[in-house]
């Protein structure tokens, strides 16, 4: 499964709103990767439910 997310790195805003269908696609892709040993479901759910950005978590963990 491929999930396409538009590249907004050139924008002045740091984040973009993802609608429920895109969030579902991202969640489904992460869930399907779990059996293959790609453990991204927990951080993804943390991002979705708390509103944290992955970059914020990475920066915090690397302090």
PDB file of N, CA and C in Angstrom:
ATOM      1  N   UNK A   1       0.839  -1.172   0.000  1.00  0.00           N
ATOM      2  CA  UNK A   1       0.000   0.000   0.000  1.00  0.00           C
ATOM      3  C   UNK A   1       0.884   1.235   0.000  1.00  0.00           C
ATOM      4  N   UNK A   2       0.589   2.178  -0.845  1.00  0.00           N
ATOM      5  CA  UNK A   2       1.317   3.437  -0.910  1.00  0.00           C
ATOM      6  C   UNK A   2       0.433   4.555  -0.394  1.00  0.00           C
ATOM      7  N   UNK A   3       1.011   5.409   0.427  1.00  0.00           N
ATOM      8  CA  UNK A   3       0.326   6.592   0.915  1.00  0.00           C
ATOM      9  C   UNK A   3       1.094   7.787   0.382  1.00  0.00           C
ATOM     10  N   UNK A   4       0.398   8.661  -0.291  1.00  0.00           N
ATOM     11  CA  UNK A   4       1.031   9.848  -0.846  1.00  0.00           C
ATOM     12  C   UNK A   4       0.657  11.049  -0.001  1.00  0.00           C
ATOM     13  N   UNK A   5       1.669  11.710   0.536  1.00  0.00           N
ATOM     14  CA  UNK A   5       1.457  12.922   1.310  1.00  0.00           C
ATOM     15  C   UNK A   5       2.234  14.029   0.616  1.00  0.00           C
ATOM     16  N   UNK A   6       1.541  15.109   0.334  1.00  0.00           N
ATOM     17  CA  UNK A   6       2.149  16.225  -0.381  1.00  0.00           C
ATOM     18  C   UNK A   6       3.300  16.828   0.421  1.00  0.00           C
ATOM     19  N   UNK A   7       4.354  17.203  -0.269  1.00  0.00           N
ATOM     20  CA  UNK A   7       5.522  17.805   0.365  1.00  0.00           C
ATOM     21  C   UNK A   7       5.269  19.293   0.604  1.00  0.00           C
ATOM     22  N   UNK A   8       5.216  19.664   1.885  1.00  0.00           N
ATOM     23  CA  UNK A   8       4.961  21.051   2.248  1.00  0.00           C
ATOM     24  C   UNK A   8       6.192  21.715   2.851  1.00  0.00           C
ATOM     25  N   UNK A   9       7.385  21.168   2.631  1.00  0.00           N
ATOM     26  CA  UNK A   9       8.580  21.695   3.284  1.00  0.00           C
ATOM     27  C   UNK A   9       8.908  23.120   2.850  1.00  0.00           C
ATOM     28  N   UNK A  10       8.458  23.530   1.698  1.00  0.00           N
ATOM     29  CA  UNK A  10       8.729  24.885   1.241  1.00  0.00           C
ATOM     30  C   UNK A  10       7.791  25.920   1.837  1.00  0.00           C
ATOM     31  N   UNK A  11       6.728  25.475   2.492  1.00  0.00           N
ATOM     32  CA  UNK A  11       5.760  26.392   3.084  1.00  0.00           C
ATOM     33  C   UNK A  11       6.309  27.017   4.358  1.00  0.00           C
ATOM     34  N   UNK A  12       5.709  28.106   4.759  1.00  0.00           N
ATOM     35  CA  UNK A  12       6.138  28.781   5.981  1.00  0.00           C
ATOM     36  C   UNK A  12       5.548  28.136   7.227  1.00  0.00           C
ATOM     37  N   UNK A  13       4.496  27.351   7.088  1.00  0.00           N
ATOM     38  CA  UNK A  13       3.885  26.667   8.219  1.00  0.00           C
ATOM     39  C   UNK A  13       4.583  25.332   8.446  1.00  0.00           C
ATOM     40  N   UNK A  14       4.617  24.893   9.689  1.00  0.00           N
ATOM     41  CA  UNK A  14       5.316  23.655  10.017  1.00  0.00           C
ATOM     42  C   UNK A  14       4.473  22.404   9.830  1.00  0.00           C
ATOM     43  N   UNK A  15       3.180  22.526   9.845  1.00  0.00           N
ATOM     44  CA  UNK A  15       2.357  21.330   9.724  1.00  0.00           C
ATOM     45  C   UNK A  15       1.119  21.626   8.895  1.00  0.00           C
ATOM     46  N   UNK A  16       0.555  20.568   8.370  1.00  0.00           N
ATOM     47  CA  UNK A  16      -0.660  20.675   7.574  1.00  0.00           C
ATOM     48  C   UNK A  16      -1.728  19.792   8.185  1.00  0.00           C
ATOM     49  N   UNK A  17      -2.956  20.167   7.960  1.00  0.00           N
ATOM     50  CA  UNK A  17      -4.098  19.398   8.417  1.00  0.00           C
ATOM     51  C   UNK A  17      -4.247  18.153   7.555  1.00  0.00           C
ATOM     52  N   UNK A  18      -4.369  16.990   8.183  1.00  0.00           N
ATOM     53  CA  UNK A  18      -4.643  15.749   7.463  1.00  0.00           C
ATOM     54  C   UNK A  18      -6.086  15.364   7.727  1.00  0.00           C
ATOM     55  N   UNK A  19      -6.857  15.158   6.662  1.00  0.00           N
ATOM     56  CA  UNK A  19      -8.247  14.785   6.883  1.00  0.00           C
ATOM     57  C   UNK A  19      -8.337  13.331   7.352  1.00  0.00           C
ATOM     58  N   UNK A  20      -9.509  12.921   7.745  1.00  0.00           N
ATOM     59  CA  UNK A  20      -9.703  11.606   8.359  1.00  0.00           C
ATOM     60  C   UNK A  20      -9.339  10.470   7.404  1.00  0.00           C
ATOM     61  N   UNK A  21      -9.555  10.648   6.121  1.00  0.00           N
ATOM     62  CA  UNK A  21      -9.210   9.593   5.165  1.00  0.00           C
ATOM     63  C   UNK A  21      -7.702   9.411   5.050  1.00  0.00           C
ATOM     64  N   UNK A  22      -6.954  10.495   5.049  1.00  0.00           N
ATOM     65  CA  UNK A  22      -5.493  10.403   4.989  1.00  0.00           C
ATOM     66  C   UNK A  22      -4.965   9.798   6.281  1.00  0.00           C
ATOM     67  N   UNK A  23      -5.517  10.221   7.423  1.00  0.00           N
ATOM     68  CA  UNK A  23      -5.104   9.629   8.694  1.00  0.00           C
ATOM     69  C   UNK A  23      -5.371   8.128   8.708  1.00  0.00           C
ATOM     70  N   UNK A  24      -6.506   7.715   8.174  1.00  0.00           N
ATOM     71  CA  UNK A  24      -6.826   6.294   8.114  1.00  0.00           C
ATOM     72  C   UNK A  24      -5.826   5.547   7.230  1.00  0.00           C
ATOM     73  N   UNK A  25      -5.473   6.120   6.100  1.00  0.00           N
ATOM     74  CA  UNK A  25      -4.510   5.475   5.204  1.00  0.00           C
ATOM     75  C   UNK A  25      -3.147   5.321   5.879  1.00  0.00           C
ATOM     76  N   UNK A  26      -2.729   6.355   6.588  1.00  0.00           N
ATOM     77  CA  UNK A  26      -1.446   6.302   7.284  1.00  0.00           C
ATOM     78  C   UNK A  26      -1.498   5.249   8.382  1.00  0.00           C
ATOM     79  N   UNK A  27      -2.591   5.234   9.166  1.00  0.00           N
ATOM     80  CA  UNK A  27      -2.750   4.246  10.231  1.00  0.00           C
ATOM     81  C   UNK A  27      -2.747   2.831   9.658  1.00  0.00           C
ATOM     82  N   UNK A  28      -3.492   2.620   8.592  1.00  0.00           N
ATOM     83  CA  UNK A  28      -3.590   1.290   7.982  1.00  0.00           C
ATOM     84  C   UNK A  28      -2.227   0.819   7.482  1.00  0.00           C
ATOM     85  N   UNK A  29      -1.481   1.712   6.843  1.00  0.00           N
ATOM     86  CA  UNK A  29      -0.145   1.354   6.348  1.00  0.00           C
ATOM     87  C   UNK A  29       0.771   0.989   7.516  1.00  0.00           C
ATOM     88  N   UNK A  30       0.719   1.753   8.604  1.00  0.00           N
ATOM     89  CA  UNK A  30       1.547   1.455   9.779  1.00  0.00           C
ATOM     90  C   UNK A  30       1.138   0.122  10.392  1.00  0.00           C
ATOM     91  N   UNK A  31      -0.147  -0.132  10.458  1.00  0.00           N
ATOM     92  CA  UNK A  31      -0.653  -1.384  11.025  1.00  0.00           C
ATOM     93  C   UNK A  31      -0.197  -2.578  10.180  1.00  0.00           C
ATOM     94  N   UNK A  32      -0.191  -2.426   8.870  1.00  0.00           N
ATOM     95  CA  UNK A  32       0.219  -3.517   7.976  1.00  0.00           C
ATOM     96  C   UNK A  32       1.729  -3.769   8.035  1.00  0.00           C
ATOM     97  N   UNK A  33       2.508  -2.784   8.454  1.00  0.00           N
ATOM     98  CA  UNK A  33       3.957  -2.957   8.565  1.00  0.00           C
ATOM     99  C   UNK A  33       4.377  -3.666   9.854  1.00  0.00           C
ATOM    100  N   UNK A  34       3.513  -3.687  10.864  1.00  0.00           N
ATOM    101  CA  UNK A  34       3.834  -4.304  12.151  1.00  0.00           C
ATOM    102  C   UNK A  34       4.296  -5.758  12.023  1.00  0.00           C
ATOM    103  N   UNK A  35       3.587  -6.625  11.284  1.00  0.00           N
ATOM    104  CA  UNK A  35       4.025  -8.021  11.182  1.00  0.00           C
ATOM    105  C   UNK A  35       5.398  -8.182  10.522  1.00  0.00           C
ATOM    106  N   UNK A  36       5.805  -7.189   9.741  1.00  0.00           N
ATOM    107  CA  UNK A  36       7.112  -7.237   9.079  1.00  0.00           C
ATOM    108  C   UNK A  36       8.238  -6.726   9.984  1.00  0.00           C
ATOM    109  N   UNK A  37       7.899  -6.373  11.224  1.00  0.00           N
ATOM    110  CA  UNK A  37       8.909  -5.908  12.162  1.00  0.00           C
ATOM    111  C   UNK A  37       9.179  -4.421  12.112  1.00  0.00           C
ATOM    112  N   UNK A  38       8.359  -3.667  11.393  1.00  0.00           N
ATOM    113  CA  UNK A  38       8.516  -2.213  11.333  1.00  0.00           C
ATOM    114  C   UNK A  38       7.586  -1.626  12.397  1.00  0.00           C
ATOM    115  N   UNK A  39       8.159  -1.296  13.542  1.00  0.00           N
ATOM    116  CA  UNK A  39       7.367  -0.887  14.697  1.00  0.00           C
ATOM    117  C   UNK A  39       7.156   0.622  14.742  1.00  0.00           C
ATOM    118  N   UNK A  40       6.268   1.108  13.881  1.00  0.00           N
ATOM    119  CA  UNK A  40       5.980   2.542  13.853  1.00  0.00           C
ATOM    120  C   UNK A  40       4.566   2.856  14.316  1.00  0.00           C
ATOM    121  N   UNK A  41       3.799   1.829  14.656  1.00  0.00           N
ATOM    122  CA  UNK A  41       2.409   2.048  15.032  1.00  0.00           C
ATOM    123  C   UNK A  41       2.293   2.845  16.330  1.00  0.00           C
ATOM    124  N   UNK A  42       3.054   2.493  17.357  1.00  0.00           N
ATOM    125  CA  UNK A  42       2.957   3.205  18.642  1.00  0.00           C
ATOM    126  C   UNK A  42       3.330   4.683  18.503  1.00  0.00           C
ATOM    127  N   UNK A  43       4.474   5.024  17.877  1.00  0.00           N
ATOM    128  CA  UNK A  43       4.770   6.455  17.724  1.00  0.00           C
ATOM    129  C   UNK A  43       3.739   7.186  16.864  1.00  0.00           C
ATOM    130  N   UNK A  44       3.225   6.501  15.856  1.00  0.00           N
ATOM    131  CA  UNK A  44       2.221   7.118  14.996  1.00  0.00           C
ATOM    132  C   UNK A  44       0.962   7.434  15.786  1.00  0.00           C
ATOM    133  N   UNK A  45       0.496   6.473  16.594  1.00  0.00           N
ATOM    134  CA  UNK A  45      -0.700   6.714  17.396  1.00  0.00           C
ATOM    135  C   UNK A  45      -0.472   7.820  18.411  1.00  0.00           C
ATOM    136  N   UNK A  46       0.725   7.884  18.977  1.00  0.00           N
ATOM    137  CA  UNK A  46       1.054   8.968  19.894  1.00  0.00           C
ATOM    138  C   UNK A  46       0.951  10.311  19.180  1.00  0.00           C
ATOM    139  N   UNK A  47       1.476  10.377  17.969  1.00  0.00           N
ATOM    140  CA  UNK A  47       1.388  11.615  17.173  1.00  0.00           C
ATOM    141  C   UNK A  47      -0.067  11.992  16.903  1.00  0.00           C
ATOM    142  N   UNK A  48      -0.863  11.000  16.482  1.00  0.00           N
ATOM    143  CA  UNK A  48      -2.255  11.273  16.111  1.00  0.00           C
ATOM    144  C   UNK A  48      -3.067  11.727  17.317  1.00  0.00           C
ATOM    145  N   UNK A  49      -2.943  11.010  18.431  1.00  0.00           N
ATOM    146  CA  UNK A  49      -3.804  11.292  19.581  1.00  0.00           C
ATOM    147  C   UNK A  49      -3.355  12.467  20.432  1.00  0.00           C
ATOM    148  N   UNK A  50      -2.091  12.835  20.381  1.00  0.00           N
ATOM    149  CA  UNK A  50      -1.620  13.955  21.196  1.00  0.00           C
ATOM    150  C   UNK A  50      -1.403  15.219  20.385  1.00  0.00           C
ATOM    151  N   UNK A  51      -1.309  15.092  19.079  1.00  0.00           N
ATOM    152  CA  UNK A  51      -1.029  16.246  18.243  1.00  0.00           C
ATOM    153  C   UNK A  51       0.451  16.571  18.163  1.00  0.00           C
ATOM    154  N   UNK A  52       1.279  15.756  18.820  1.00  0.00           N
ATOM    155  CA  UNK A  52       2.720  15.972  18.733  1.00  0.00           C
ATOM    156  C   UNK A  52       3.203  15.664  17.323  1.00  0.00           C
ATOM    157  N   UNK A  53       4.261  16.316  16.932  1.00  0.00           N
ATOM    158  CA  UNK A  53       4.893  16.023  15.650  1.00  0.00           C
ATOM    159  C   UNK A  53       6.056  15.082  15.909  1.00  0.00           C
ATOM    160  N   UNK A  54       6.311  14.205  14.978  1.00  0.00           N
ATOM    161  CA  UNK A  54       7.431  13.264  15.128  1.00  0.00           C
ATOM    162  C   UNK A  54       8.737  13.999  15.338  1.00  0.00           C
ATOM    163  N   UNK A  55       8.922  15.109  14.656  1.00  0.00           N
ATOM    164  CA  UNK A  55      10.163  15.860  14.817  1.00  0.00           C
ATOM    165  C   UNK A  55      10.305  16.395  16.239  1.00  0.00           C
ATOM    166  N   UNK A  56       9.181  16.785  16.860  1.00  0.00           N
ATOM    167  CA  UNK A  56       9.238  17.230  18.249  1.00  0.00           C
ATOM    168  C   UNK A  56       9.667  16.082  19.160  1.00  0.00           C
ATOM    169  N   UNK A  57       9.121  14.896  18.933  1.00  0.00           N
ATOM    170  CA  UNK A  57       9.494  13.739  19.743  1.00  0.00           C
ATOM    171  C   UNK A  57      10.964  13.396  19.566  1.00  0.00           C
ATOM    172  N   UNK A  58      11.433  13.402  18.338  1.00  0.00           N
ATOM    173  CA  UNK A  58      12.829  13.067  18.067  1.00  0.00           C
ATOM    174  C   UNK A  58      13.745  14.083  18.739  1.00  0.00           C
ATOM    175  N   UNK A  59      13.424  15.361  18.617  1.00  0.00           N
ATOM    176  CA  UNK A  59      14.234  16.396  19.256  1.00  0.00           C
ATOM    177  C   UNK A  59      14.244  16.246  20.762  1.00  0.00           C
ATOM    178  N   UNK A  60      13.096  15.917  21.343  1.00  0.00           N
ATOM    179  CA  UNK A  60      13.002  15.743  22.787  1.00  0.00           C
ATOM    180  C   UNK A  60      13.813  14.530  23.248  1.00  0.00           C
ATOM    181  N   UNK A  61      13.726  13.440  22.498  1.00  0.00           N
ATOM    182  CA  UNK A  61      14.436  12.218  22.873  1.00  0.00           C
ATOM    183  C   UNK A  61      15.958  12.370  22.714  1.00  0.00           C
ATOM    184  N   UNK A  62      16.388  13.214  21.805  1.00  0.00           N
ATOM    185  CA  UNK A  62      17.822  13.394  21.557  1.00  0.00           C
ATOM    186  C   UNK A  62      18.454  14.454  22.456  1.00  0.00           C
ATOM    187  N   UNK A  63      17.729  14.993  23.411  1.00  0.00           N
ATOM    188  CA  UNK A  63      18.288  16.015  24.308  1.00  0.00           C
ATOM    189  C   UNK A  63      19.323  15.429  25.217  1.00  0.00           C
TER     190      UNK A  63
END
